[in-house]
Protein backbone atom coordinates (compact mmCIF):
# COMPACT_ATOMS: atom_id res chain seq x y z
CA MET A 1 0.16 0.24 -0.18
CA LYS A 2 1.33 3.54 -0.87
CA ILE A 3 0.20 5.87 1.67
CA GLY A 4 0.23 9.65 1.69
CA TYR A 5 0.54 11.44 4.73
CA MET A 6 0.10 15.47 5.04
CA TYR A 7 1.25 16.88 8.60
CA ARG A 8 3.01 20.29 8.06
CA MET A 9 5.97 19.66 9.92
CA HIS A 10 9.39 18.04 10.14
CA VAL A 11 8.72 15.28 12.82
CA SER A 12 12.28 14.08 13.01
CA PRO A 13 13.98 14.35 15.40
CA PRO A 14 10.89 14.73 17.39
CA LYS A 15 10.15 17.86 19.27
CA GLY A 16 6.70 17.45 20.81
CA GLY A 17 3.77 14.99 21.00
CA ASN A 18 2.50 16.13 17.57
CA HIS A 19 5.90 15.07 16.28
CA VAL A 20 5.94 11.48 17.84
CA HIS A 21 2.36 11.05 16.63
CA ALA A 22 3.11 11.49 13.45
CA LEU A 23 6.81 10.12 13.25
CA GLU A 24 5.45 6.97 15.24
CA LEU A 25 2.91 6.19 12.36
CA VAL A 26 5.01 6.60 9.56
CA GLN A 27 7.91 4.33 11.04
CA GLY A 28 5.13 1.73 11.82
CA PHE A 29 3.72 2.13 8.08
CA LEU A 30 7.10 1.59 6.71
CA LYS A 31 7.70 -1.19 9.28
CA GLU A 32 4.71 -2.98 8.28
CA GLY A 33 6.19 -2.73 4.80
CA HIS A 34 4.06 -0.24 3.09
CA GLN A 35 5.29 2.92 1.17
CA VAL A 36 5.07 6.28 2.75
CA HIS A 37 5.05 9.22 0.66
CA LEU A 38 5.49 12.72 3.06
CA LEU A 39 4.98 16.30 1.58
CA GLU A 40 7.82 18.61 2.37
CA ASP A 41 9.44 16.35 5.00
CA PRO A 42 12.57 15.09 4.20
CA THR A 43 13.58 13.92 8.00
CA VAL A 44 12.14 10.19 7.89
CA PRO A 45 14.31 7.53 6.48
CA GLY A 46 12.45 5.28 4.36
CA ALA A 47 9.87 7.69 3.30
CA VAL A 48 9.52 9.59 -0.04
CA SER A 49 9.46 13.52 0.47
CA PHE A 50 7.48 15.23 -2.19
CA SER A 51 8.02 18.87 -2.92
CA GLY A 52 4.65 21.10 -2.61
CA ALA A 53 6.10 24.03 -4.54
CA THR A 54 3.53 24.06 -7.39
CA ASP A 55 0.23 22.59 -8.39
CA GLU A 56 1.91 19.81 -10.27
CA ASP A 57 4.09 18.86 -7.25
CA LEU A 58 0.72 18.49 -5.13
CA ARG A 59 -0.77 16.51 -8.16
CA SER A 60 2.25 14.06 -8.23
CA PHE A 61 2.15 13.68 -4.68
CA ALA A 62 -1.55 12.86 -4.36
CA THR A 63 -1.85 10.85 -7.52
CA SER A 64 1.09 8.73 -6.23
CA VAL A 65 -0.72 7.29 -3.45
CA ASP A 66 -3.63 4.54 -2.58
CA VAL A 67 -4.98 6.49 0.21
CA LEU A 68 -4.25 10.17 1.55
CA TYR A 69 -4.16 10.66 5.10
CA ILE A 70 -4.48 14.20 6.28
CA ARG A 71 -3.27 15.54 9.97
CA VAL A 72 -6.06 18.18 10.92
CA ASP A 73 -5.01 19.98 14.50
CA ALA A 74 -5.63 23.41 15.77
CA ARG A 75 -3.51 25.10 12.77
CA HIS A 76 -6.20 26.24 10.16
CA LEU A 77 -6.50 24.41 6.97
CA GLY A 78 -7.56 27.64 5.65
CA LYS A 79 -4.15 28.66 5.68
CA TRP A 80 -2.70 25.43 4.31
CA PRO A 81 -3.96 25.48 0.46
CA ALA A 82 -2.20 22.27 -0.20
CA VAL A 83 -4.76 20.10 1.81
CA GLU A 84 -7.80 21.40 -0.60
CA ALA A 85 -5.47 21.02 -3.55
CA CYS A 86 -4.31 17.69 -2.60
CA MET A 87 -7.91 16.41 -1.94
CA ARG A 88 -9.09 17.62 -5.34
CA PHE A 89 -5.98 15.82 -7.17
CA ALA A 90 -6.56 12.47 -5.34
CA GLY A 91 -9.73 11.84 -7.88
CA ASP A 92 -11.78 8.94 -5.85
CA ARG A 93 -8.50 7.60 -4.02
CA PRO A 94 -9.67 7.23 -0.11
CA ILE A 95 -9.35 10.44 2.02
CA VAL A 96 -8.97 9.71 5.75
CA TRP A 97 -8.39 12.60 8.13
CA GLU A 98 -6.67 12.43 11.37
CA ILE A 99 -8.34 15.13 13.66
CA ASN A 100 -6.17 15.78 16.61
CA ALA A 101 -8.46 19.38 17.54
CA PRO A 102 -11.44 21.55 16.52
CA ALA A 103 -10.29 24.96 15.13
CA ASN A 104 -11.71 26.42 18.56
CA GLU A 105 -8.68 25.19 20.35
CA SER A 106 -7.14 28.70 19.61
CA LEU A 107 -9.46 29.85 22.58
CA ALA A 108 -7.49 27.86 25.28
CA PHE A 109 -4.86 30.66 25.20
CA SER A 110 -7.92 33.65 26.01
CA TRP A 111 -9.48 31.31 28.71
CA LEU A 112 -6.37 29.56 30.37
CA GLY A 113 -3.29 31.30 29.16
CA GLY A 114 -1.30 32.92 32.30
CA ARG A 115 -4.17 31.59 34.49
CA ARG A 116 -3.53 30.99 38.19
CA LEU A 117 -5.64 29.17 40.62
CA ASN A 118 -7.00 30.83 43.67
CA VAL A 119 -5.47 33.98 42.49
CA LYS A 120 -7.93 36.77 41.96
CA GLU A 121 -7.70 38.34 38.45
CA SER A 122 -8.44 42.19 37.60
CA MET A 123 -11.22 43.41 35.67
CA LEU A 124 -8.36 44.55 33.13
CA LYS A 125 -6.92 41.11 32.42
CA LEU A 126 -10.32 39.56 32.27
CA LEU A 127 -11.41 42.21 29.42
CA LYS A 128 -8.13 41.72 27.72
CA ARG A 129 -8.87 37.72 27.69
CA ARG A 130 -12.44 38.35 26.32
CA ILE A 131 -11.26 40.65 23.51
CA HIS A 132 -8.56 38.30 22.77
CA ALA A 133 -10.93 35.68 22.47
CA LEU A 134 -13.55 37.85 20.34
CA ARG A 135 -10.71 38.50 17.68
CA GLN A 136 -10.57 34.58 17.31
CA MET A 137 -14.31 33.80 16.63
CA PRO A 138 -14.51 35.33 13.02
CA GLY A 139 -11.33 32.92 11.96
CA ILE A 140 -12.61 30.16 14.24
CA TRP A 141 -16.25 30.36 12.04
CA LYS A 142 -14.37 30.49 8.79
CA GLU A 143 -11.89 27.64 9.87
CA GLU A 144 -15.03 25.23 10.53
CA ARG A 145 -17.30 26.35 7.53
CA LEU A 146 -13.88 24.98 5.21
CA ARG A 147 -13.79 22.00 7.23
CA ARG A 148 -17.34 21.04 6.92
CA LEU A 149 -16.89 21.69 2.92
CA LEU A 150 -14.10 19.43 2.53
CA GLY A 151 -15.34 16.75 5.27
CA LYS A 152 -17.79 16.03 2.68
CA ARG A 153 -14.92 14.25 0.68
CA VAL A 154 -13.60 12.42 3.73
CA ASP A 155 -14.11 8.72 3.85
CA THR A 156 -13.55 8.18 7.50
CA ALA A 157 -12.17 10.30 10.45
CA ILE A 158 -9.73 8.66 12.67
CA CYS A 159 -10.20 11.10 15.93
CA VAL A 160 -7.66 10.87 19.01
CA SER A 161 -10.47 11.10 21.34
CA THR A 162 -14.24 10.67 22.02
CA ALA A 163 -14.72 13.93 22.33
CA LEU A 164 -13.43 14.84 18.66
CA GLN A 165 -15.21 11.78 17.47
CA GLY A 166 -18.34 13.95 18.74
CA TYR A 167 -17.11 16.78 17.07
CA ALA A 168 -16.12 15.46 13.61
CA GLN A 169 -19.71 13.72 13.30
CA LYS A 170 -21.66 16.42 14.73
CA LYS A 171 -19.89 19.75 13.73
CA LEU A 172 -18.21 18.57 10.50
CA GLY A 173 -20.79 15.89 8.92
CA ILE A 174 -18.35 13.03 9.03
CA GLN A 175 -20.54 10.10 10.55
CA ASN A 176 -17.96 7.36 9.56
CA SER A 177 -15.69 8.51 12.41
CA ILE A 178 -13.81 6.47 15.33
CA ALA A 179 -12.20 7.24 18.24
CA LEU A 180 -8.22 5.95 18.33
CA PRO A 181 -6.37 7.48 21.11
CA ASN A 182 -2.50 7.90 21.08
CA GLY A 183 -0.48 4.79 22.11
CA GLY A 184 2.94 4.41 24.22
CA PRO A 185 6.30 2.86 23.46
CA LEU A 186 6.86 -0.94 24.20
CA ILE A 187 9.37 -0.72 26.36
CA PRO A 188 10.33 -4.35 27.88
CA LEU A 189 11.20 -4.85 31.54
CA GLU A 190 14.83 -5.05 31.09
CA GLU A 191 15.00 -1.64 29.75
CA ILE A 192 13.01 -0.16 32.46
CA GLU A 193 15.29 -1.27 35.10
CA GLN A 194 18.17 -0.21 33.21
CA ARG A 195 16.66 3.49 33.20
CA ARG A 196 15.91 3.03 36.99
CA ALA A 197 19.55 2.16 37.66
CA LYS A 198 20.33 5.39 36.65
CA ARG A 199 18.43 7.29 39.46
CA THR A 200 20.60 9.53 41.58
CA SER A 201 18.16 10.65 44.22
CA ASP A 202 16.23 8.45 47.13
CA GLN A 203 13.78 11.21 47.43
CA PHE A 204 10.12 10.51 46.59
CA THR A 205 10.10 12.09 43.09
CA VAL A 206 7.10 13.21 41.12
CA PHE A 207 7.69 13.96 37.53
CA TYR A 208 5.99 16.47 35.00
CA SER A 209 6.52 16.33 31.13
CA GLY A 210 5.07 19.02 29.03
CA SER A 211 5.10 22.42 27.62
CA ALA A 212 5.31 25.75 29.57
CA VAL A 213 3.79 27.82 26.75
CA TYR A 214 0.57 25.67 26.22
CA PRO A 215 -2.12 26.56 28.93
CA TRP A 216 -3.82 23.40 28.43
CA GLN A 217 -0.87 21.50 30.39
CA GLY A 218 -1.90 22.00 33.81
CA LEU A 219 0.95 24.02 35.17
CA ASP A 220 -1.18 26.59 37.27
CA ILE A 221 -2.60 23.19 38.86
CA LEU A 222 0.53 22.05 39.44
CA GLY A 223 1.88 25.18 40.90
CA SER A 224 -0.92 24.90 43.57
CA VAL A 225 -0.02 21.41 44.52
CA ILE A 226 4.03 22.46 44.66
CA SER A 227 3.05 25.19 46.91
CA LEU A 228 1.00 22.98 49.44
CA ALA A 229 3.47 20.10 49.26
CA ARG A 230 5.90 22.82 50.70
CA LYS A 231 4.09 23.02 53.81
CA LYS A 232 2.28 19.46 53.97
CA ALA A 233 4.54 17.02 52.06
CA PRO A 234 8.09 18.62 52.35
CA ASP A 235 9.92 15.55 51.67
CA ILE A 236 8.14 15.25 47.93
CA ARG A 237 10.50 16.50 45.26
CA PHE A 238 8.76 17.74 41.74
CA VAL A 239 10.77 17.18 38.46
CA LEU A 240 9.43 19.36 35.69
CA ALA A 241 10.82 18.46 32.03
CA VAL A 242 9.99 21.33 29.80
CA ASN A 243 10.90 22.45 26.57
CA GLN A 244 11.44 26.08 27.64
CA THR A 245 11.18 28.48 30.49
CA THR A 246 8.59 31.04 31.21
CA GLU A 247 7.21 32.87 34.09
CA PHE A 248 4.64 30.28 34.54
CA ILE A 249 6.81 27.45 35.62
CA PRO A 250 6.62 26.72 39.38
CA GLU A 251 9.73 27.61 41.39
CA GLY A 252 10.83 26.58 45.06
CA ASP A 253 13.29 24.45 46.79
CA ASN A 254 10.96 21.07 46.26
CA VAL A 255 11.24 21.83 42.41
CA LEU A 256 13.90 20.73 39.62
CA ILE A 257 13.55 22.18 36.14
CA CYS A 258 14.95 20.10 33.66
CA GLN A 259 15.06 22.02 30.12
CA GLY A 260 15.64 20.39 27.02
CA LEU A 261 15.50 16.89 27.67
CA ASP A 262 16.00 14.80 24.69
CA ARG A 263 13.91 11.54 24.01
CA GLN A 264 15.91 9.11 25.94
CA GLY A 265 16.38 11.82 28.63
CA ILE A 266 13.03 11.79 28.89
CA LEU A 267 12.26 8.17 29.45
CA ASP A 268 14.92 7.67 31.87
CA ALA A 269 13.58 10.75 33.97
CA ILE A 270 10.10 8.98 33.84
CA CYS A 271 11.78 5.64 34.96
CA SER A 272 13.86 7.04 37.81
CA SER A 273 10.45 8.65 39.48
CA ASP A 274 7.88 7.52 42.11
CA VAL A 275 4.93 8.86 40.33
CA CYS A 276 4.02 10.81 37.42
CA VAL A 277 0.94 13.26 36.78
CA ALA A 278 -0.88 14.56 34.19
CA LEU A 279 -2.90 17.05 35.45
CA HIS A 280 -5.22 18.79 32.65
CA PRO A 281 -7.85 21.66 32.98
CA ASP A 282 -11.38 21.79 31.52
CA TYR A 283 -12.37 23.59 28.29
CA PRO A 284 -15.48 25.59 29.75
CA TRP A 285 -15.87 27.56 26.16
CA SER A 286 -15.89 24.47 23.84
CA PRO A 287 -19.21 22.25 23.58
CA TRP A 288 -16.47 19.20 23.01
CA GLY A 289 -14.85 19.65 26.81
CA PHE A 290 -11.57 18.27 27.01
CA HIS A 291 -10.55 16.79 23.57
CA ASN A 292 -6.85 15.58 24.02
CA SER A 293 -5.14 12.57 23.94
CA PRO A 294 -2.21 13.32 26.34
CA MET A 295 0.30 11.43 25.24
CA LYS A 296 2.81 11.92 28.44
CA LEU A 297 -0.15 9.40 29.91
CA PHE A 298 0.87 6.35 27.89
CA GLU A 299 4.36 7.17 28.11
CA TYR A 300 4.32 7.21 31.90
CA MET A 301 2.65 4.03 31.96
CA ALA A 302 4.67 2.30 29.24
CA CYS A 303 7.85 3.15 31.82
CA MET A 304 5.72 1.37 34.90
CA VAL A 305 5.34 4.34 36.53
CA PRO A 306 2.26 5.04 38.63
CA VAL A 307 -0.14 7.98 37.31
CA VAL A 308 -2.12 10.51 38.75
CA THR A 309 -4.12 12.27 36.48
CA SER A 310 -7.39 14.64 36.03
CA ASN A 311 -10.58 12.74 36.25
CA ARG A 312 -11.94 14.33 32.73
CA GLY A 313 -11.94 13.30 28.76
CA GLN A 314 -9.86 10.63 27.75
CA MET A 315 -8.02 10.31 31.26
CA SER A 316 -11.37 8.95 32.68
CA GLU A 317 -11.96 6.78 30.21
CA LEU A 318 -8.56 5.00 29.95
CA ILE A 319 -7.90 5.08 34.05
CA ARG A 320 -9.99 3.09 36.52
CA HIS A 321 -9.22 4.62 39.94
CA ARG A 322 -6.94 2.51 41.76
CA GLU A 323 -6.86 -0.35 39.46
CA ASN A 324 -4.53 1.29 36.73
CA GLY A 325 -3.72 4.78 38.26
CA LEU A 326 -5.15 7.44 40.29
CA LEU A 327 -7.99 9.83 39.36
CA CYS A 328 -7.99 13.57 40.87
CA SER A 329 -9.95 16.77 40.90
CA ASP A 330 -8.39 20.16 40.03
CA SER A 331 -8.02 20.71 44.05
CA ALA A 332 -4.26 20.81 44.86
CA GLU A 333 -5.51 19.35 48.03
CA ASP A 334 -6.89 16.31 46.23
CA VAL A 335 -3.94 15.96 43.97
CA LEU A 336 -1.41 15.96 46.99
CA ALA A 337 -3.73 13.47 48.54
CA GLN A 338 -3.16 10.99 45.77
CA LEU A 339 0.69 11.58 45.46
CA LYS A 340 0.75 10.97 49.27
CA THR A 341 -1.06 7.59 48.71
CA ILE A 342 1.60 6.34 46.16
CA ARG A 343 4.20 7.49 48.57
CA ASP A 344 2.99 5.85 51.78
CA ASN A 345 1.92 2.46 49.91
CA PRO A 346 4.71 1.34 47.94
CA GLU A 347 3.18 -2.20 47.11
CA PHE A 348 0.02 -0.47 45.89
CA ALA A 349 2.29 1.89 43.81
CA GLN A 350 3.89 -0.88 42.07
CA GLU A 351 0.47 -2.77 41.66
CA LEU A 352 -0.53 0.61 39.77
CA GLY A 353 2.66 0.86 37.55
CA ASN A 354 2.17 -2.79 36.58
CA ALA A 355 -1.48 -2.36 35.65
CA GLY A 356 -0.43 0.78 33.51
CA TRP A 357 2.58 -0.99 31.93
CA GLN A 358 0.08 -3.86 31.06
CA MET A 359 -2.42 -1.88 29.63
CA ILE A 360 0.05 -0.30 27.17
CA GLN A 361 1.48 -3.86 25.93
CA ASN A 362 -2.16 -5.28 25.58
CA GLY A 363 -3.72 -2.88 22.81
CA ARG A 364 -2.55 0.83 23.74
CA SER A 365 0.85 0.85 21.98
CA TRP A 366 1.77 2.61 18.96
CA PRO A 367 1.98 -0.66 16.88
CA ASP A 368 -1.81 -1.34 18.03
CA ASN A 369 -2.35 2.35 16.88
CA VAL A 370 -0.50 1.85 13.35
CA THR A 371 -2.30 -1.67 13.27
CA GLU A 372 -5.90 -0.11 13.46
CA THR A 373 -5.08 2.57 11.41
CA LEU A 374 -3.91 0.18 8.32
CA LYS A 375 -7.21 -1.77 9.01
CA VAL A 376 -9.28 1.58 8.19
CA PHE A 377 -7.05 2.05 5.13
CA SER A 378 -7.57 -1.56 3.94
CA ARG A 379 -11.41 -1.72 4.34
CA LEU A 380 -11.85 1.74 2.20
CA LEU A 381 -9.45 0.04 -0.20
CA GLU A 382 -11.71 -3.11 -0.48
CA GLU A 383 -14.87 -1.15 -0.55
CA ARG A 384 -13.29 0.63 -3.52
CA GLU A 385 -12.64 -2.70 -5.56
CA CYS A 386 -16.17 -3.76 -4.70
């Protein structure tokens, strides 16, 4: 099978979750013996990269494949004319959208950017947020209209969450939509032990990985937890792995900031921790609620480390409280209580870590994600032949 994958970035080496997602799929397709054609990404060995400079380049790309797979995220398709052109040039070839975000995700910066829990906000700052949101609305409306128009030609949407499956069906009119969460790497026990052996501190360690720029990463929630822990659990150390420093990163004696860790460094840090957190606020402005598929959650579990995560969205669908992880509210008291449960019950913590690892090993890995995606492609091609 020749798969044309459009995602508008250079994915190797990966710099974030979106890069990891695309790279894992491309490498997985190649490993399964398929050809992968990319548009303007020469970074993946084994894949064929096409130029997108002219319409003829786009036509050559679209007509060289059996199925066209297009990543749809918060970046507006209206600013990516290659999508509409390639969908047109694809003729009757199957077209599949990989939906990672609705167009309104940009409103997160209006509602959550710079937010601080339990800190009263000035009327001026609140007004600035509202103005910022209002300025986004015309572009969001225009983008959603374009997505609905292009969606008429989409055979199937593969959505990273059930929330986005609802968005695809109800907002975009793509009834043939499925939910397929992100995956985690398959890490054998021997490798986990090797990474654990690199640990340099005996202090109980809580690990966080994420961006300090994106407001849906829950840094304000974590900051409140860190402040409370200084008073009620001073023995707990928080290790934060971020790509860049900003004014919003929590600070203090119980915090260690690790900036710019590479992929291997992240996995070493996870394996060297006692518990990992994935804390995400709600999206009150969106009818789809919290729609993300937090990749960090899958990576934490893949490393056999117990997780504490927010009781909403995909986290509450995947995590069974006290069976394969711990769910929490946005309350700093509740989050800290869950962390202390892990600290005070090492055998229970090990059970949770093992259960999470088993979950990745049995259906929630990137190879599993690749298999399910290829099933969609194969089914559509078989329907074309009938």
